[in-house]
Amino acid sequence: MSIQPGATFRRASKRKEGVGSLPGAMRMRQSLAQFEEAFREEAAESVVRRERLRKHAVQRSRVRRVERRRQAGKLRFALLTLTIVVTAVVVTIVMFETLAMLAG
């Protein structure tokens, strides 16, 4: 490698290339500001996520409550139907027994 006359040489810098052109204190302030902004965004997202999860839990609870009510209604209807049928059978039997006693 030949050195040309009049060429100036720069001292090798101790900082790495690509780090940025800001002084250390400015980079620190910038990174803190970025960290704080990211923290605020994450906190806002967390609030939205908690609200969404709460609404979803309320919806699931409502669906379970409706389903329990529907099942209880089916059971009550079945018991009512069974009671009416048993009552009709018992009344019919008693009526025919009474008729047989009176006729016999």
Protein backbone atom coordinates (compact mmCIF):
# COMPACT_ATOMS: atom_id res chain seq x y z
CA MET A 1 0.00 0.00 0.00
CA SER A 2 1.48 3.30 -0.98
CA ILE A 3 0.91 6.53 0.88
CA GLN A 4 0.16 9.52 -1.27
CA PRO A 5 1.73 12.88 -0.44
CA GLY A 6 -0.63 15.27 1.38
CA ALA A 7 -2.91 12.50 2.65
CA THR A 8 -4.25 13.03 6.16
CA PHE A 9 -4.84 10.20 8.58
CA ARG A 10 -7.55 10.05 11.19
CA ARG A 11 -6.99 8.39 14.50
CA ALA A 12 -8.96 5.23 14.94
CA SER A 13 -12.00 5.94 17.05
CA LYS A 14 -12.63 3.78 20.13
CA ARG A 15 -16.37 3.71 19.54
CA LYS A 16 -17.85 1.08 17.30
CA GLU A 17 -19.19 1.93 13.88
CA GLY A 18 -22.98 1.98 13.55
CA VAL A 19 -23.62 2.93 17.19
CA GLY A 20 -24.80 6.37 16.22
CA SER A 21 -23.51 9.87 16.03
CA LEU A 22 -25.04 11.12 19.28
CA PRO A 23 -22.89 11.63 22.32
CA GLY A 24 -23.26 9.05 25.11
CA ALA A 25 -25.54 11.18 27.33
CA MET A 26 -27.86 11.99 24.42
CA ARG A 27 -28.05 8.29 23.45
CA MET A 28 -28.89 7.43 27.05
CA ARG A 29 -31.68 10.02 27.16
CA GLN A 30 -33.01 8.82 23.85
CA SER A 31 -32.98 5.17 24.92
CA LEU A 32 -34.68 6.07 28.23
CA ALA A 33 -37.33 8.00 26.35
CA GLN A 34 -37.83 5.05 24.03
CA PHE A 35 -38.01 2.69 27.01
CA GLU A 36 -40.56 4.91 28.77
CA GLU A 37 -42.67 5.18 25.60
CA ALA A 38 -42.56 1.41 25.13
CA PHE A 39 -43.56 0.99 28.79
CA ARG A 40 -46.52 3.34 28.35
CA GLU A 41 -47.62 1.51 25.21
CA GLU A 42 -47.33 -1.85 26.97
CA ALA A 43 -49.33 -0.52 29.94
CA ALA A 44 -52.06 0.76 27.62
CA GLU A 45 -52.14 -2.58 25.80
CA SER A 46 -52.33 -4.35 29.15
CA VAL A 47 -55.36 -2.27 30.16
CA VAL A 48 -57.08 -3.05 26.86
CA ARG A 49 -56.21 -6.75 27.20
CA ARG A 50 -57.53 -6.89 30.79
CA GLU A 51 -60.78 -5.21 29.73
CA ARG A 52 -61.18 -7.62 26.81
CA LEU A 53 -60.57 -10.61 29.11
CA ARG A 54 -63.06 -9.26 31.66
CA LYS A 55 -65.75 -8.84 28.99
CA HIS A 56 -65.04 -12.32 27.68
CA ALA A 57 -65.36 -13.76 31.21
CA VAL A 58 -68.67 -11.95 31.72
CA GLN A 59 -69.94 -13.32 28.40
CA ARG A 60 -68.89 -16.89 29.33
CA SER A 61 -70.59 -16.52 32.70
CA ARG A 62 -73.78 -15.29 31.06
CA VAL A 63 -73.77 -18.22 28.61
CA ARG A 64 -73.24 -20.72 31.46
CA ARG A 65 -76.07 -19.15 33.48
CA VAL A 66 -78.47 -19.33 30.50
CA GLU A 67 -77.47 -22.94 29.85
CA ARG A 68 -78.07 -23.90 33.50
CA ARG A 69 -81.47 -22.20 33.41
CA ARG A 70 -82.36 -24.08 30.21
CA GLN A 71 -81.32 -27.43 31.71
CA ALA A 72 -83.30 -26.71 34.90
CA GLY A 73 -86.32 -25.79 32.75
CA LYS A 74 -86.05 -29.07 30.82
CA LEU A 75 -85.89 -31.02 34.08
CA ARG A 76 -88.88 -29.20 35.57
CA PHE A 77 -90.89 -29.77 32.37
CA ALA A 78 -90.05 -33.49 32.39
CA LEU A 79 -91.07 -33.77 36.07
CA LEU A 80 -94.33 -31.88 35.43
CA THR A 81 -95.16 -34.10 32.45
CA LEU A 82 -94.39 -37.24 34.44
CA THR A 83 -96.52 -36.01 37.37
CA ILE A 84 -99.50 -35.30 35.07
CA VAL A 85 -99.23 -38.72 33.38
CA VAL A 86 -98.94 -40.55 36.73
CA THR A 87 -101.90 -38.58 38.12
CA ALA A 88 -104.01 -39.44 35.07
CA VAL A 89 -103.11 -43.13 35.37
CA VAL A 90 -103.89 -43.22 39.11
CA VAL A 91 -107.20 -41.37 38.66
CA THR A 92 -108.20 -43.73 35.83
CA ILE A 93 -107.37 -46.81 37.91
CA VAL A 94 -109.22 -45.49 40.97
CA MET A 95 -112.21 -44.50 38.81
CA PHE A 96 -112.49 -47.97 37.25
CA GLU A 97 -112.02 -49.69 40.65
CA THR A 98 -114.78 -47.55 42.10
CA LEU A 99 -117.02 -48.25 39.10
CA ALA A 100 -116.34 -51.98 39.46
CA MET A 101 -117.22 -51.85 43.18
CA LEU A 102 -120.46 -49.97 42.51
CA ALA A 103 -121.47 -52.22 39.61
CA GLY A 104 -120.41 -55.47 41.25
